[in-house]
N, C-alpha and C. Protein backbone atom coordinates (compact mmCIF):
# COMPACT_ATOMS: atom_id res chain seq x y z
N MET A 1 8.46 12.79 4.44
CA MET A 1 10.40 13.03 3.90
C MET A 1 11.03 13.34 5.09
N THR A 2 12.05 12.47 5.51
CA THR A 2 12.92 12.81 7.00
C THR A 2 14.17 13.58 6.42
N GLU A 3 14.36 13.68 4.62
CA GLU A 3 15.96 14.05 4.67
C GLU A 3 15.20 15.06 3.50
N GLN A 4 16.12 15.86 3.39
CA GLN A 4 16.42 16.74 1.88
C GLN A 4 16.60 16.36 0.71
N LEU A 5 16.05 16.40 -0.36
CA LEU A 5 16.52 15.85 -1.70
C LEU A 5 17.66 16.47 -2.09
N THR A 6 18.74 15.56 -2.15
CA THR A 6 20.22 16.43 -2.29
C THR A 6 20.75 15.87 -3.84
N GLU A 7 21.64 16.11 -4.04
CA GLU A 7 22.41 15.47 -5.48
C GLU A 7 22.85 14.19 -4.72
N GLN A 8 23.45 14.05 -3.35
CA GLN A 8 23.65 12.69 -3.04
C GLN A 8 22.54 11.69 -3.05
N HIS A 9 21.38 12.22 -3.01
CA HIS A 9 20.48 11.16 -2.63
C HIS A 9 19.51 11.10 -3.67
N ARG A 10 19.26 9.67 -4.26
CA ARG A 10 18.72 9.26 -5.25
C ARG A 10 17.21 9.52 -4.95
N PRO A 11 15.96 10.45 -5.04
CA PRO A 11 14.47 10.42 -4.72
C PRO A 11 14.59 8.89 -5.44
N PHE A 12 13.65 8.27 -3.60
CA PHE A 12 13.14 6.80 -4.20
C PHE A 12 11.50 6.91 -4.29
N LEU A 13 10.90 6.26 -5.10
CA LEU A 13 9.80 6.52 -5.30
C LEU A 13 8.94 4.58 -5.54
N TYR A 14 7.74 4.42 -4.42
CA TYR A 14 7.19 3.28 -4.31
C TYR A 14 6.18 3.58 -5.42
N VAL A 15 5.87 2.58 -6.12
CA VAL A 15 4.69 2.33 -7.00
C VAL A 15 3.69 1.53 -6.63
N VAL A 16 2.79 1.13 -6.16
CA VAL A 16 1.76 0.19 -5.57
C VAL A 16 1.01 0.19 -6.93
N VAL A 17 0.86 -0.92 -7.16
CA VAL A 17 0.04 -2.03 -8.18
C VAL A 17 -0.98 -2.77 -7.93
N CYS A 18 -2.06 -2.24 -8.29
CA CYS A 18 -3.54 -3.06 -8.34
C CYS A 18 -3.88 -4.09 -9.23
N ALA A 19 -4.50 -4.70 -8.93
CA ALA A 19 -4.96 -6.12 -9.58
C ALA A 19 -6.16 -5.38 -10.60
N ALA A 20 -5.43 -4.46 -11.62
CA ALA A 20 -7.02 -4.51 -12.89
C ALA A 20 -5.37 -4.68 -14.04
N GLY A 21 -6.84 -5.28 -15.20
CA GLY A 21 -6.07 -5.72 -16.31
C GLY A 21 -5.15 -4.97 -16.87
N ILE A 22 -5.21 -3.91 -16.74
CA ILE A 22 -3.72 -2.88 -17.15
C ILE A 22 -2.61 -3.12 -16.35
N ALA A 23 -2.97 -3.34 -15.33
CA ALA A 23 -1.31 -3.70 -14.46
C ALA A 23 -0.33 -4.03 -14.92
N ALA A 24 -0.53 -4.99 -16.19
CA ALA A 24 0.84 -5.60 -16.83
C ALA A 24 1.78 -4.32 -17.59
N ASP A 25 0.98 -3.20 -17.86
CA ASP A 25 1.87 -2.43 -18.57
C ASP A 25 2.67 -1.88 -17.56
N VAL A 26 2.61 -1.44 -16.11
CA VAL A 26 3.05 -0.80 -15.22
C VAL A 26 4.51 -0.63 -15.50
N ASP A 27 5.16 -1.44 -16.39
CA ASP A 27 6.58 -1.03 -17.20
C ASP A 27 6.52 0.79 -17.65
N THR A 28 5.52 1.51 -18.14
CA THR A 28 5.06 2.08 -18.50
C THR A 28 6.06 3.54 -17.12
N LEU A 29 5.04 2.89 -16.47
CA LEU A 29 5.25 4.01 -15.27
C LEU A 29 6.81 3.87 -14.58
N ILE A 30 7.54 3.07 -14.78
CA ILE A 30 8.78 2.42 -13.75
C ILE A 30 9.55 3.58 -15.01
N GLY A 31 9.84 3.09 -16.39
CA GLY A 31 10.48 3.56 -16.96
C GLY A 31 10.37 4.60 -17.10
N ALA A 32 9.06 5.63 -16.92
CA ALA A 32 9.26 7.17 -17.50
C ALA A 32 9.80 7.80 -15.96
N ALA A 33 9.48 6.93 -14.24
CA ALA A 33 9.83 7.80 -13.49
C ALA A 33 11.51 7.10 -13.10
N GLN A 34 11.93 6.43 -13.95
CA GLN A 34 13.55 6.33 -13.76
C GLN A 34 14.29 7.48 -14.78
N ASP A 35 13.20 7.83 -15.95
CA ASP A 35 14.14 8.60 -16.84
C ASP A 35 14.16 9.92 -16.41
N GLU A 36 13.25 10.54 -15.20
CA GLU A 36 12.96 11.53 -14.86
C GLU A 36 14.21 11.74 -13.54
N GLY A 37 14.59 10.79 -12.74
CA GLY A 37 15.60 10.57 -12.40
C GLY A 37 15.00 9.44 -10.71
N TRP A 38 14.15 8.74 -10.55
CA TRP A 38 13.61 8.64 -9.33
C TRP A 38 14.04 6.99 -9.38
N GLY A 39 14.78 6.90 -8.43
CA GLY A 39 14.58 5.28 -8.05
C GLY A 39 13.30 4.56 -7.62
N VAL A 40 13.22 3.69 -8.15
CA VAL A 40 11.86 2.69 -7.93
C VAL A 40 11.99 1.32 -7.36
N GLY A 41 10.96 1.58 -6.56
CA GLY A 41 10.39 -0.10 -5.89
C GLY A 41 9.14 -0.17 -6.26
N VAL A 42 8.57 -1.58 -6.73
CA VAL A 42 7.37 -2.18 -6.50
C VAL A 42 6.77 -2.36 -5.48
N ILE A 43 5.07 -2.77 -5.09
CA ILE A 43 4.64 -3.17 -4.08
C ILE A 43 3.58 -3.26 -4.66
N ALA A 44 3.36 -4.96 -5.00
CA ALA A 44 1.78 -5.10 -5.36
C ALA A 44 1.03 -5.58 -4.55
N THR A 45 -0.13 -5.37 -4.79
CA THR A 45 -1.40 -5.87 -4.04
C THR A 45 -1.12 -7.55 -4.10
N PRO A 46 -1.19 -8.43 -3.33
CA PRO A 46 -1.48 -9.91 -3.44
C PRO A 46 -1.71 -10.54 -4.72
N THR A 47 -3.11 -10.06 -5.41
CA THR A 47 -3.94 -10.17 -6.76
C THR A 47 -3.26 -10.05 -7.52
N ALA A 48 -2.18 -8.48 -7.46
CA ALA A 48 -1.88 -8.26 -8.35
C ALA A 48 -0.58 -9.02 -9.20
N LEU A 49 0.36 -9.34 -7.95
CA LEU A 49 1.14 -10.70 -8.58
C LEU A 49 0.79 -10.90 -10.04
N GLY A 50 -0.30 -11.56 -9.98
CA GLY A 50 -0.89 -12.54 -11.34
C GLY A 50 -1.14 -11.54 -12.72
N PHE A 51 -1.00 -10.45 -12.28
CA PHE A 51 -1.17 -9.32 -13.82
C PHE A 51 -0.10 -8.77 -14.04
N ILE A 52 1.38 -8.91 -13.44
CA ILE A 52 2.48 -8.10 -13.82
C ILE A 52 3.33 -9.32 -14.19
N ASP A 53 4.33 -8.81 -15.12
CA ASP A 53 5.77 -10.04 -15.04
C ASP A 53 6.95 -9.63 -14.27
N ARG A 54 6.57 -10.22 -13.07
CA ARG A 54 7.34 -9.99 -11.83
C ARG A 54 9.21 -10.04 -12.39
N GLU A 55 9.10 -11.12 -13.10
CA GLU A 55 10.91 -10.97 -13.58
C GLU A 55 11.06 -9.34 -14.24
N THR A 56 10.40 -9.39 -15.13
CA THR A 56 10.82 -7.92 -16.25
C THR A 56 10.83 -6.48 -14.81
N VAL A 57 9.81 -6.87 -14.06
CA VAL A 57 9.75 -5.25 -13.22
C VAL A 57 11.02 -5.39 -12.11
N GLU A 58 11.46 -6.19 -11.63
CA GLU A 58 12.62 -6.86 -10.85
C GLU A 58 13.88 -6.88 -11.78
N ALA A 59 14.09 -6.98 -12.76
CA ALA A 59 14.96 -6.89 -13.43
C ALA A 59 14.91 -5.01 -13.62
N ARG A 60 14.11 -4.16 -14.33
CA ARG A 60 13.94 -3.19 -14.31
C ARG A 60 14.54 -2.61 -13.03
N THR A 61 13.84 -2.55 -11.48
CA THR A 61 13.77 -1.76 -10.97
C THR A 61 15.68 -2.18 -10.00
N GLY A 62 16.22 -3.26 -10.56
CA GLY A 62 16.80 -3.95 -8.98
C GLY A 62 16.50 -4.16 -7.84
N HIS A 63 14.96 -3.99 -8.00
CA HIS A 63 14.73 -4.47 -6.57
C HIS A 63 13.28 -5.42 -6.50
N ALA A 64 13.31 -6.48 -5.57
CA ALA A 64 12.17 -7.09 -5.39
C ALA A 64 10.83 -6.52 -5.43
N VAL A 65 10.13 -7.35 -6.13
CA VAL A 65 8.96 -6.72 -6.36
C VAL A 65 8.24 -7.12 -4.79
N ARG A 66 7.25 -6.52 -3.76
CA ARG A 66 7.20 -6.86 -2.40
C ARG A 66 5.69 -6.65 -2.45
N SER A 67 5.23 -8.13 -1.67
CA SER A 67 3.57 -7.80 -1.79
C SER A 67 3.24 -8.41 -0.44
N ALA A 68 4.28 -8.88 0.73
CA ALA A 68 4.25 -9.04 1.67
C ALA A 68 5.24 -8.73 2.83
N TRP A 69 4.57 -8.55 4.26
CA TRP A 69 5.28 -7.54 5.00
C TRP A 69 6.47 -8.90 5.25
N ARG A 70 7.65 -8.20 5.63
CA ARG A 70 8.98 -8.91 5.97
C ARG A 70 8.95 -9.06 7.49
N THR A 71 9.79 -10.31 7.77
CA THR A 71 9.73 -10.88 8.96
C THR A 71 10.63 -9.88 9.93
N PRO A 72 9.73 -10.06 11.44
CA PRO A 72 10.44 -9.46 12.16
C PRO A 72 12.28 -9.69 12.56
N GLY A 73 12.89 -8.36 12.00
CA GLY A 73 14.56 -8.71 12.46
C GLY A 73 14.79 -8.68 10.79
N SER A 74 14.60 -9.03 9.75
CA SER A 74 15.27 -9.24 8.46
C SER A 74 15.24 -7.71 8.11
N PRO A 75 16.42 -7.41 7.35
CA PRO A 75 16.56 -6.03 6.82
C PRO A 75 15.36 -5.36 5.70
N GLN A 76 15.39 -4.23 5.89
CA GLN A 76 14.28 -3.44 5.21
C GLN A 76 14.68 -3.77 3.66
N PRO A 77 13.75 -3.95 2.85
CA PRO A 77 14.08 -4.45 1.92
C PRO A 77 14.06 -3.37 0.33
N LEU A 78 13.36 -2.51 0.85
CA LEU A 78 13.75 -0.94 -0.26
C LEU A 78 14.31 -0.38 0.70
N PRO A 79 14.89 1.02 -0.30
CA PRO A 79 14.93 2.17 0.77
C PRO A 79 13.60 3.13 1.13
N TRP A 80 13.48 3.68 2.30
CA TRP A 80 12.10 4.36 2.34
C TRP A 80 11.83 5.42 1.17
N ALA A 81 10.59 5.12 1.18
CA ALA A 81 9.98 6.39 0.25
C ALA A 81 10.20 7.47 0.06
N ASP A 82 10.66 8.52 -1.11
CA ASP A 82 10.11 9.96 -1.07
C ASP A 82 8.66 10.21 -1.18
N ALA A 83 8.19 9.39 -2.23
CA ALA A 83 6.94 9.81 -2.87
C ALA A 83 6.51 8.61 -3.08
N ILE A 84 4.89 8.30 -3.37
CA ILE A 84 4.29 7.04 -4.04
C ILE A 84 3.66 7.21 -5.02
N ALA A 85 3.13 6.43 -5.86
CA ALA A 85 2.38 6.32 -6.85
C ALA A 85 1.54 5.01 -7.08
N VAL A 86 0.14 5.51 -6.84
CA VAL A 86 -0.72 4.51 -6.77
C VAL A 86 -1.15 4.07 -8.28
N ALA A 87 -1.09 3.06 -9.03
CA ALA A 87 -0.97 2.89 -10.54
C ALA A 87 -1.05 1.84 -10.94
N PRO A 88 -2.21 1.05 -11.36
CA PRO A 88 -3.37 1.53 -11.67
C PRO A 88 -4.24 1.48 -9.91
N ALA A 89 -4.31 2.30 -9.62
CA ALA A 89 -5.47 2.22 -8.15
C ALA A 89 -6.83 1.43 -8.71
N THR A 90 -7.14 0.54 -8.30
CA THR A 90 -8.60 -0.48 -8.08
C THR A 90 -9.80 0.15 -7.00
N PHE A 91 -10.92 0.03 -7.39
CA PHE A 91 -12.05 0.49 -6.60
C PHE A 91 -11.87 0.24 -5.53
N ASN A 92 -11.63 -1.49 -5.36
CA ASN A 92 -10.81 -1.87 -4.13
C ASN A 92 -10.00 -1.72 -2.83
N THR A 93 -8.85 -0.91 -3.50
CA THR A 93 -8.10 -0.62 -3.11
C THR A 93 -8.04 1.15 -2.50
N VAL A 94 -8.94 1.86 -3.46
CA VAL A 94 -9.40 3.29 -2.95
C VAL A 94 -10.36 3.18 -1.85
N ASN A 95 -11.25 2.02 -1.80
CA ASN A 95 -12.33 1.99 -0.78
C ASN A 95 -11.52 1.51 0.30
N LYS A 96 -10.91 0.77 0.67
CA LYS A 96 -10.34 0.23 1.41
C LYS A 96 -9.03 1.27 1.96
N TRP A 97 -8.38 1.60 1.55
CA TRP A 97 -7.52 2.85 2.09
C TRP A 97 -8.25 3.76 2.18
N ALA A 98 -9.32 4.60 1.93
CA ALA A 98 -10.03 5.40 2.46
C ALA A 98 -10.56 5.43 3.65
N ALA A 99 -10.83 4.15 4.12
CA ALA A 99 -11.91 3.62 5.27
C ALA A 99 -10.11 3.28 6.77
N GLY A 100 -9.06 3.34 5.95
CA GLY A 100 -8.19 2.70 6.60
C GLY A 100 -7.59 1.44 6.97
N ILE A 101 -8.29 0.27 6.35
CA ILE A 101 -7.86 -1.02 6.33
C ILE A 101 -6.38 -1.23 5.78
N SER A 102 -6.32 -2.28 6.76
CA SER A 102 -4.42 -2.51 6.28
C SER A 102 -4.34 -3.63 6.50
N ASP A 103 -4.95 -4.38 5.26
CA ASP A 103 -5.06 -5.84 5.28
C ASP A 103 -3.79 -6.30 4.23
N THR A 104 -3.45 -5.46 3.42
CA THR A 104 -2.26 -6.18 2.43
C THR A 104 -0.89 -5.43 2.83
N LEU A 105 0.23 -5.37 2.46
CA LEU A 105 1.03 -4.83 2.42
C LEU A 105 1.20 -3.17 1.92
N ALA A 106 0.48 -3.25 0.47
CA ALA A 106 0.31 -2.14 0.19
C ALA A 106 -0.39 -1.06 0.61
N LEU A 107 -1.65 -1.89 0.93
CA LEU A 107 -2.71 -0.69 1.77
C LEU A 107 -1.94 -0.58 3.08
N GLY A 108 -0.93 -1.18 3.94
CA GLY A 108 -0.51 -0.92 5.04
C GLY A 108 0.36 0.52 4.59
N ILE A 109 1.11 0.25 3.75
CA ILE A 109 2.01 1.14 3.27
C ILE A 109 1.05 2.80 3.17
N LEU A 110 -0.21 2.59 2.57
CA LEU A 110 -0.69 3.91 2.09
C LEU A 110 -0.80 4.64 3.52
N CYS A 111 -1.55 3.38 4.13
CA CYS A 111 -2.19 4.07 5.48
C CYS A 111 -1.38 4.68 6.27
N GLU A 112 0.02 4.18 6.53
CA GLU A 112 1.23 4.81 6.85
C GLU A 112 1.72 5.91 6.39
N ALA A 113 1.52 6.49 5.29
CA ALA A 113 2.22 7.51 4.28
C ALA A 113 1.22 8.60 4.56
N HIS A 114 -0.11 8.71 5.22
CA HIS A 114 -0.50 9.74 5.14
C HIS A 114 -0.02 10.18 6.96
N GLY A 115 0.44 10.02 7.75
CA GLY A 115 0.91 9.89 9.09
C GLY A 115 2.61 10.01 8.74
N LEU A 116 2.91 9.96 7.92
CA LEU A 116 4.43 10.22 7.92
C LEU A 116 4.82 11.07 6.61
N GLY A 117 3.76 11.68 6.14
CA GLY A 117 3.68 12.93 5.43
C GLY A 117 4.60 12.70 3.82
N THR A 118 4.35 11.05 3.32
CA THR A 118 4.77 11.01 2.51
C THR A 118 4.33 11.60 1.19
N PRO A 119 4.49 12.47 0.17
CA PRO A 119 3.36 12.48 -0.92
C PRO A 119 3.07 11.24 -1.99
N THR A 120 2.21 11.54 -1.86
CA THR A 120 1.40 10.23 -2.59
C THR A 120 0.02 10.65 -3.77
N ALA A 121 0.30 9.54 -5.06
CA ALA A 121 -0.57 10.37 -6.48
C ALA A 121 -0.98 9.01 -6.46
N VAL A 122 -2.27 9.43 -6.91
CA VAL A 122 -3.15 8.41 -7.29
C VAL A 122 -3.85 8.47 -8.76
N GLN A 123 -3.46 7.46 -9.83
CA GLN A 123 -4.39 7.43 -10.82
C GLN A 123 -5.31 5.96 -10.95
N PRO A 124 -6.58 6.52 -10.95
CA PRO A 124 -7.22 5.28 -10.31
C PRO A 124 -7.94 4.66 -11.95
N TYR A 125 -7.92 3.35 -12.11
CA TYR A 125 -8.64 2.77 -13.26
C TYR A 125 -9.87 2.00 -12.53
N VAL A 126 -11.18 2.89 -12.97
CA VAL A 126 -12.16 1.93 -12.56
C VAL A 126 -12.83 2.02 -13.86
N ASN A 127 -14.07 1.61 -13.88
CA ASN A 127 -14.86 1.32 -14.63
C ASN A 127 -16.19 2.41 -13.93
N ALA A 128 -17.21 2.56 -14.77
CA ALA A 128 -18.33 3.77 -14.46
C ALA A 128 -19.50 2.94 -13.48
N ALA A 129 -19.58 1.43 -13.77
CA ALA A 129 -20.28 1.48 -13.07
C ALA A 129 -19.98 1.11 -11.42
N GLN A 130 -18.78 0.67 -11.12
CA GLN A 130 -18.12 0.67 -9.88
C GLN A 130 -17.77 2.37 -9.31
N ALA A 131 -17.36 3.11 -10.17
CA ALA A 131 -18.01 4.68 -9.86
C ALA A 131 -18.84 5.49 -9.31
N ALA A 132 -19.87 4.40 -9.72
CA ALA A 132 -21.20 4.90 -9.53
C ALA A 132 -21.76 4.50 -8.23
N HIS A 133 -20.97 3.94 -7.54
CA HIS A 133 -21.17 3.13 -5.90
C HIS A 133 -20.43 4.44 -5.14
N PRO A 134 -21.80 5.04 -4.40
CA PRO A 134 -21.61 5.70 -3.09
C PRO A 134 -20.30 5.85 -2.64
N ALA A 135 -19.97 4.64 -2.19
CA ALA A 135 -18.65 4.41 -1.23
C ALA A 135 -17.52 4.99 -2.28
N TYR A 136 -17.96 5.27 -3.57
CA TYR A 136 -16.18 5.73 -4.38
C TYR A 136 -15.97 6.85 -4.36
N GLY A 137 -16.91 7.70 -4.49
CA GLY A 137 -16.79 9.30 -4.22
C GLY A 137 -16.62 9.52 -2.75
N ALA A 138 -16.88 9.14 -1.74
CA ALA A 138 -16.99 9.15 -0.58
C ALA A 138 -15.40 9.21 -0.45
N SER A 139 -15.00 8.13 -0.67
CA SER A 139 -13.50 7.57 -0.22
C SER A 139 -13.03 8.35 -1.28
N LEU A 140 -13.04 9.01 -2.27
CA LEU A 140 -12.18 9.84 -3.01
C LEU A 140 -12.22 11.25 -2.49
N GLU A 141 -13.55 11.25 -1.86
CA GLU A 141 -13.43 13.14 -1.28
C GLU A 141 -12.20 12.54 0.25
N ARG A 142 -12.31 11.60 0.83
CA ARG A 142 -11.61 11.48 1.78
C ARG A 142 -9.80 11.33 1.86
N LEU A 143 -9.44 10.58 0.66
CA LEU A 143 -8.74 10.73 0.45
C LEU A 143 -8.18 11.67 0.16
N ARG A 144 -8.37 12.70 -0.49
CA ARG A 144 -8.48 14.10 -1.11
C ARG A 144 -7.99 15.12 0.15
N SER A 145 -8.80 14.71 0.87
CA SER A 145 -8.87 15.24 2.14
C SER A 145 -7.76 15.44 3.23
N MET A 146 -7.48 13.96 2.96
CA MET A 146 -5.93 13.69 3.77
C MET A 146 -4.77 14.28 2.71
N GLY A 147 -4.79 14.54 1.24
CA GLY A 147 -3.59 15.33 0.94
C GLY A 147 -3.24 14.20 -0.15
N VAL A 148 -3.83 13.28 -0.59
CA VAL A 148 -3.66 12.77 -1.66
C VAL A 148 -3.65 13.27 -3.06
N LEU A 149 -3.01 13.22 -3.99
CA LEU A 149 -3.21 13.69 -5.26
C LEU A 149 -3.73 12.93 -6.17
N PHE A 150 -4.69 13.57 -7.19
CA PHE A 150 -5.11 12.10 -8.53
C PHE A 150 -5.09 12.92 -9.41
N GLY A 151 -4.61 11.98 -10.30
CA GLY A 151 -4.33 11.89 -11.78
C GLY A 151 -5.92 12.44 -12.22
N ASP A 152 -6.02 12.26 -13.95
CA ASP A 152 -6.55 12.81 -14.44
C ASP A 152 -7.72 11.29 -15.00
N ALA A 153 -7.76 10.53 -14.63
CA ALA A 153 -8.47 9.17 -14.53
C ALA A 153 -9.99 9.11 -14.85
N VAL A 154 -10.45 8.74 -15.99
CA VAL A 154 -12.27 8.73 -16.50
C VAL A 154 -12.41 7.83 -16.15
N PRO A 155 -13.74 7.13 -15.53
CA PRO A 155 -13.94 5.92 -15.31
C PRO A 155 -14.11 5.51 -16.84
N HIS A 156 -14.24 4.13 -17.13
CA HIS A 156 -14.40 3.78 -18.45
C HIS A 156 -15.42 3.10 -18.38
N ARG A 157 -15.97 2.67 -19.47
CA ARG A 157 -17.62 1.72 -19.92
C ARG A 157 -17.15 0.92 -19.29
N ALA A 158 -17.98 -0.13 -18.51
CA ALA A 158 -18.01 -1.12 -17.56
C ALA A 158 -17.98 -2.87 -18.71
N ARG A 159 -17.30 -3.23 -18.46
CA ARG A 159 -17.09 -4.60 -19.17
C ARG A 159 -16.44 -4.41 -20.63
N THR A 160 -16.00 -3.55 -20.76
CA THR A 160 -15.09 -2.74 -21.75
C THR A 160 -13.61 -2.56 -21.24
N ASP A 161 -12.61 -2.92 -22.51
CA ASP A 161 -11.43 -2.47 -22.70
C ASP A 161 -10.84 -1.04 -22.88
N GLU A 162 -12.09 -0.54 -22.68
CA GLU A 162 -11.95 0.74 -23.49
C GLU A 162 -10.64 2.22 -22.75
N GLY A 163 -10.66 1.60 -21.16
CA GLY A 163 -10.17 2.24 -20.35
C GLY A 163 -8.94 2.37 -20.74
N ARG A 164 -7.46 1.40 -21.39
CA ARG A 164 -6.64 0.82 -21.29
C ARG A 164 -6.17 1.93 -22.31
N ALA A 165 -6.55 2.11 -23.47
CA ALA A 165 -5.86 3.39 -24.37
C ALA A 165 -6.20 4.68 -23.66
N ALA A 166 -7.17 5.24 -23.23
CA ALA A 166 -6.67 6.18 -22.14
C ALA A 166 -5.95 6.39 -21.10
N TYR A 167 -6.10 5.66 -20.05
CA TYR A 167 -4.99 5.67 -19.29
C TYR A 167 -3.59 6.32 -19.38
N ARG A 168 -3.55 7.08 -18.59
CA ARG A 168 -2.19 8.07 -18.90
C ARG A 168 -1.41 7.78 -17.36
N TRP A 169 -0.42 6.87 -17.56
CA TRP A 169 0.42 6.16 -16.79
C TRP A 169 1.35 7.18 -15.69
N THR A 170 1.54 8.44 -16.79
CA THR A 170 2.45 9.52 -16.30
C THR A 170 1.97 10.24 -15.87
N ALA A 171 0.99 10.51 -15.32
CA ALA A 171 -0.16 11.32 -14.20
C ALA A 171 0.45 11.53 -13.20
N VAL A 172 0.93 10.53 -12.70
CA VAL A 172 1.18 10.70 -11.21
C VAL A 172 2.42 11.07 -10.74
N LEU A 173 3.33 10.74 -12.04
CA LEU A 173 4.53 11.85 -12.09
C LEU A 173 4.17 13.32 -12.16
N ASP A 174 3.56 13.60 -13.04
CA ASP A 174 3.10 15.18 -13.06
C ASP A 174 3.18 15.51 -11.50
N LEU A 175 2.24 14.88 -10.99
CA LEU A 175 1.67 14.95 -10.39
C LEU A 175 2.65 15.59 -8.74
N LEU A 176 3.74 14.13 -8.56
CA LEU A 176 5.29 14.26 -8.02
C LEU A 176 6.08 15.06 -8.44
N ARG A 177 6.37 15.72 -9.58
CA ARG A 177 7.76 16.14 -9.94
C ARG A 177 7.89 16.77 -8.85
N PRO A 178 6.90 18.20 -8.21
CA PRO A 178 7.33 19.16 -7.13
C PRO A 178 8.48 18.26 -6.71
N VAL A 179 8.21 17.46 -6.04
CA VAL A 179 8.99 16.17 -4.79
C VAL A 179 10.33 16.06 -5.56
N LEU A 180 10.20 15.10 -6.52
CA LEU A 180 11.29 15.18 -7.15
C LEU A 180 12.15 16.68 -7.37
N THR A 181 12.04 17.33 -7.69
CA THR A 181 12.92 19.25 -8.16
C THR A 181 12.66 19.75 -6.33
N GLY A 182 12.32 18.65 -5.40
CA GLY A 182 12.38 19.98 -4.64
C GLY A 182 11.91 21.19 -4.26
N THR A 183 10.59 21.06 -5.01
CA THR A 183 9.87 22.29 -4.75
C THR A 183 9.01 21.98 -4.23
N GLY A 184 8.70 21.22 -3.65
CA GLY A 184 7.40 20.78 -2.77
C GLY A 184 7.11 19.41 -2.31
N GLY A 185 6.29 19.61 -1.82
CA GLY A 185 6.20 18.07 -1.23
C GLY A 185 5.95 18.16 0.20
N ASN A 186 6.15 16.94 1.19
CA ASN A 186 5.75 16.99 2.71
C ASN A 186 6.95 16.98 3.44
N GLY A 187 8.16 17.36 3.28
CA GLY A 187 9.49 17.22 3.98
C GLY A 187 9.96 18.07 4.69
């Protein structure tokens, strides 16, 4: 963060949404964040666009859902982020992010967040078969070493929808609350 959080500055949260079956429920996180005082903008991976109700999200946040880079000279479409919540975070996004791959806007923002010192919290949504892959554990370790905060998501059984009921959308807000209250963060 480049400025102090003050009464005049409403903190702004980027919600990065990945292509998981539960992405359609992202409004749960958006509403909870707004109730806590965050302004919210949504950045979706290109595939996640097919999983969310774009019109509803845009009406709720007051901002267009972003999925592609802006063209040179066009205005910044969202306020700069004071913090980032990645929910749901998929196996693909976690591994690409940890490897420094920036082939989508969402990954570009996440890779840049480390260098900017933007507090970032992640609530993964992966199945146990994916989580067993050695790259996933190594990716989690690398992201943690970069200061990324992780929620309490537990991998669910593969080929089931079991993880939906147990997924705690607001875990990322719990981790980012110090940024909102001005008692923590990287600013």
